Amino acid sequence: MEIREVFARNLRQQRQRKNLSQEALAHEAGVDRTYISALERSVYAASIDTVAKLARVLEVRPADLLDPDSR
């Protein structure tokens, strides 16, 4: 599995764990909802700054979003 796919899977799992919609996550992270959707579908690769913003909102370490063994 490629890192973009790992990130997409972990982002979706962590967002759902926090019971956040894509729109709510996007609002709190200061990004567009369509961007969250694209990240979760592996359409775009997130910048390191975006990974950090999303991790902060999700209350996880940035590394957790990139961990292929994270479940």
N, C-alpha and C. Protein backbone atom coordinates (compact mmCIF):
# COMPACT_ATOMS: atom_id res chain seq x y z
N MET A 1 0.85 -1.18 0.00
CA MET A 1 0.00 0.00 0.00
C MET A 1 0.90 1.25 0.00
N GLU A 2 0.60 2.18 -0.86
CA GLU A 2 1.37 3.41 -0.95
C GLU A 2 1.03 4.36 0.20
N ILE A 3 1.95 5.24 0.52
CA ILE A 3 1.78 6.14 1.67
C ILE A 3 0.53 7.00 1.53
N ARG A 4 0.20 7.40 0.31
CA ARG A 4 -1.00 8.21 0.09
C ARG A 4 -2.26 7.42 0.47
N GLU A 5 -2.26 6.13 0.16
CA GLU A 5 -3.38 5.26 0.51
C GLU A 5 -3.45 5.02 2.02
N VAL A 6 -2.29 4.86 2.64
CA VAL A 6 -2.22 4.70 4.09
C VAL A 6 -2.78 5.94 4.77
N PHE A 7 -2.34 7.10 4.32
CA PHE A 7 -2.82 8.36 4.89
C PHE A 7 -4.33 8.48 4.71
N ALA A 8 -4.83 8.16 3.53
CA ALA A 8 -6.27 8.26 3.26
C ALA A 8 -7.06 7.37 4.21
N ARG A 9 -6.63 6.13 4.38
CA ARG A 9 -7.32 5.19 5.26
C ARG A 9 -7.30 5.68 6.71
N ASN A 10 -6.11 6.10 7.18
CA ASN A 10 -5.98 6.55 8.56
C ASN A 10 -6.75 7.84 8.82
N LEU A 11 -6.73 8.74 7.85
CA LEU A 11 -7.48 9.99 8.00
C LEU A 11 -8.97 9.70 8.16
N ARG A 12 -9.52 8.86 7.31
CA ARG A 12 -10.93 8.52 7.38
C ARG A 12 -11.26 7.83 8.72
N GLN A 13 -10.42 6.89 9.13
CA GLN A 13 -10.66 6.18 10.39
C GLN A 13 -10.64 7.13 11.58
N GLN A 14 -9.66 8.01 11.62
CA GLN A 14 -9.55 8.95 12.75
C GLN A 14 -10.69 9.96 12.73
N ARG A 15 -11.08 10.40 11.55
CA ARG A 15 -12.20 11.34 11.45
C ARG A 15 -13.49 10.68 11.95
N GLN A 16 -13.72 9.46 11.54
CA GLN A 16 -14.92 8.75 11.99
C GLN A 16 -14.87 8.44 13.49
N ARG A 17 -13.68 8.13 13.99
CA ARG A 17 -13.52 7.87 15.42
C ARG A 17 -13.94 9.10 16.25
N LYS A 18 -13.65 10.28 15.72
CA LYS A 18 -14.02 11.53 16.42
C LYS A 18 -15.44 11.97 16.08
N ASN A 19 -16.14 11.17 15.27
CA ASN A 19 -17.52 11.50 14.85
C ASN A 19 -17.60 12.86 14.17
N LEU A 20 -16.62 13.14 13.32
CA LEU A 20 -16.60 14.39 12.57
C LEU A 20 -16.99 14.13 11.12
N SER A 21 -17.78 15.01 10.56
CA SER A 21 -18.05 14.96 9.13
C SER A 21 -16.82 15.52 8.41
N GLN A 22 -16.75 15.28 7.12
CA GLN A 22 -15.66 15.87 6.35
C GLN A 22 -15.73 17.39 6.45
N GLU A 23 -16.93 17.93 6.42
CA GLU A 23 -17.11 19.38 6.51
C GLU A 23 -16.63 19.93 7.85
N ALA A 24 -16.95 19.25 8.94
CA ALA A 24 -16.51 19.72 10.26
C ALA A 24 -15.00 19.66 10.40
N LEU A 25 -14.39 18.58 9.92
CA LEU A 25 -12.94 18.46 9.96
C LEU A 25 -12.30 19.56 9.13
N ALA A 26 -12.82 19.77 7.95
CA ALA A 26 -12.28 20.80 7.06
C ALA A 26 -12.37 22.17 7.71
N HIS A 27 -13.50 22.47 8.31
CA HIS A 27 -13.69 23.78 8.96
C HIS A 27 -12.67 23.98 10.08
N GLU A 28 -12.54 22.98 10.94
CA GLU A 28 -11.61 23.10 12.07
C GLU A 28 -10.15 23.18 11.63
N ALA A 29 -9.82 22.53 10.50
CA ALA A 29 -8.44 22.53 10.02
C ALA A 29 -8.16 23.70 9.07
N GLY A 30 -9.19 24.41 8.67
CA GLY A 30 -9.00 25.56 7.79
C GLY A 30 -8.72 25.16 6.34
N VAL A 31 -9.36 24.07 5.91
CA VAL A 31 -9.22 23.64 4.52
C VAL A 31 -10.62 23.43 3.95
N ASP A 32 -10.71 23.20 2.66
CA ASP A 32 -11.99 22.98 1.99
C ASP A 32 -12.48 21.54 2.18
N ARG A 33 -13.79 21.35 2.28
CA ARG A 33 -14.35 20.01 2.44
C ARG A 33 -14.00 19.11 1.26
N THR A 34 -13.99 19.67 0.06
CA THR A 34 -13.67 18.85 -1.11
C THR A 34 -12.22 18.37 -1.06
N TYR A 35 -11.36 19.13 -0.39
CA TYR A 35 -9.96 18.72 -0.22
C TYR A 35 -9.88 17.51 0.72
N ILE A 36 -10.66 17.52 1.80
CA ILE A 36 -10.70 16.37 2.71
C ILE A 36 -11.19 15.14 1.95
N SER A 37 -12.22 15.31 1.17
CA SER A 37 -12.76 14.21 0.38
C SER A 37 -11.69 13.66 -0.56
N ALA A 38 -10.97 14.54 -1.23
CA ALA A 38 -9.92 14.11 -2.16
C ALA A 38 -8.78 13.40 -1.43
N LEU A 39 -8.43 13.88 -0.24
CA LEU A 39 -7.39 13.22 0.55
C LEU A 39 -7.83 11.81 0.94
N GLU A 40 -9.08 11.67 1.34
CA GLU A 40 -9.59 10.37 1.76
C GLU A 40 -9.74 9.39 0.59
N ARG A 41 -9.75 9.91 -0.62
CA ARG A 41 -9.83 9.06 -1.81
C ARG A 41 -8.47 8.90 -2.49
N SER A 42 -7.42 9.40 -1.86
CA SER A 42 -6.04 9.33 -2.38
C SER A 42 -5.86 10.08 -3.70
N VAL A 43 -6.68 11.09 -3.92
CA VAL A 43 -6.57 11.89 -5.14
C VAL A 43 -5.40 12.87 -5.02
N TYR A 44 -5.26 13.47 -3.86
CA TYR A 44 -4.18 14.43 -3.60
C TYR A 44 -3.24 13.89 -2.54
N ALA A 45 -2.02 14.38 -2.56
CA ALA A 45 -1.06 14.11 -1.50
C ALA A 45 -1.04 15.35 -0.60
N ALA A 46 -1.16 15.13 0.70
CA ALA A 46 -1.18 16.24 1.65
C ALA A 46 0.24 16.73 1.92
N SER A 47 0.36 18.04 2.11
CA SER A 47 1.65 18.59 2.52
C SER A 47 1.89 18.24 3.99
N ILE A 48 3.12 18.35 4.42
CA ILE A 48 3.46 18.08 5.82
C ILE A 48 2.70 19.03 6.75
N ASP A 49 2.50 20.26 6.32
CA ASP A 49 1.75 21.23 7.13
C ASP A 49 0.29 20.81 7.26
N THR A 50 -0.28 20.29 6.19
CA THR A 50 -1.67 19.83 6.23
C THR A 50 -1.81 18.61 7.13
N VAL A 51 -0.86 17.70 7.05
CA VAL A 51 -0.87 16.52 7.92
C VAL A 51 -0.87 16.98 9.38
N ALA A 52 -0.03 17.96 9.70
CA ALA A 52 0.05 18.47 11.07
C ALA A 52 -1.25 19.12 11.51
N LYS A 53 -1.88 19.91 10.63
CA LYS A 53 -3.16 20.56 10.97
C LYS A 53 -4.24 19.52 11.24
N LEU A 54 -4.33 18.54 10.37
CA LEU A 54 -5.36 17.52 10.52
C LEU A 54 -5.13 16.69 11.79
N ALA A 55 -3.88 16.36 12.06
CA ALA A 55 -3.56 15.60 13.27
C ALA A 55 -3.94 16.39 14.52
N ARG A 56 -3.69 17.69 14.51
CA ARG A 56 -4.04 18.53 15.66
C ARG A 56 -5.54 18.49 15.92
N VAL A 57 -6.33 18.64 14.87
CA VAL A 57 -7.78 18.62 15.01
C VAL A 57 -8.26 17.24 15.47
N LEU A 58 -7.64 16.18 14.95
CA LEU A 58 -8.04 14.83 15.29
C LEU A 58 -7.46 14.34 16.61
N GLU A 59 -6.58 15.16 17.19
CA GLU A 59 -5.93 14.85 18.47
C GLU A 59 -5.12 13.55 18.40
N VAL A 60 -4.34 13.44 17.33
CA VAL A 60 -3.42 12.32 17.16
C VAL A 60 -2.07 12.90 16.75
N ARG A 61 -1.04 12.07 16.79
CA ARG A 61 0.27 12.51 16.31
C ARG A 61 0.26 12.47 14.78
N PRO A 62 0.95 13.38 14.11
CA PRO A 62 1.03 13.30 12.64
C PRO A 62 1.49 11.93 12.16
N ALA A 63 2.41 11.32 12.90
CA ALA A 63 2.91 9.99 12.52
C ALA A 63 1.79 8.95 12.51
N ASP A 64 0.78 9.13 13.36
CA ASP A 64 -0.34 8.18 13.40
C ASP A 64 -1.10 8.16 12.07
N LEU A 65 -1.16 9.30 11.40
CA LEU A 65 -1.85 9.36 10.12
C LEU A 65 -1.04 8.72 8.99
N LEU A 66 0.25 8.52 9.23
CA LEU A 66 1.12 7.96 8.19
C LEU A 66 1.56 6.53 8.50
N ASP A 67 1.09 5.98 9.59
CA ASP A 67 1.52 4.66 10.05
C ASP A 67 0.76 3.56 9.30
N PRO A 68 1.46 2.73 8.51
CA PRO A 68 0.78 1.68 7.77
C PRO A 68 0.17 0.60 8.68
N ASP A 69 0.62 0.50 9.91
CA ASP A 69 0.10 -0.50 10.84
C ASP A 69 -1.00 0.03 11.75
N SER A 70 -1.35 1.29 11.58
CA SER A 70 -2.39 1.91 12.41
C SER A 70 -3.76 1.35 12.03
N ARG A 71 -4.55 1.06 13.04
CA ARG A 71 -5.91 0.56 12.82
C ARG A 71 -6.87 1.27 13.72
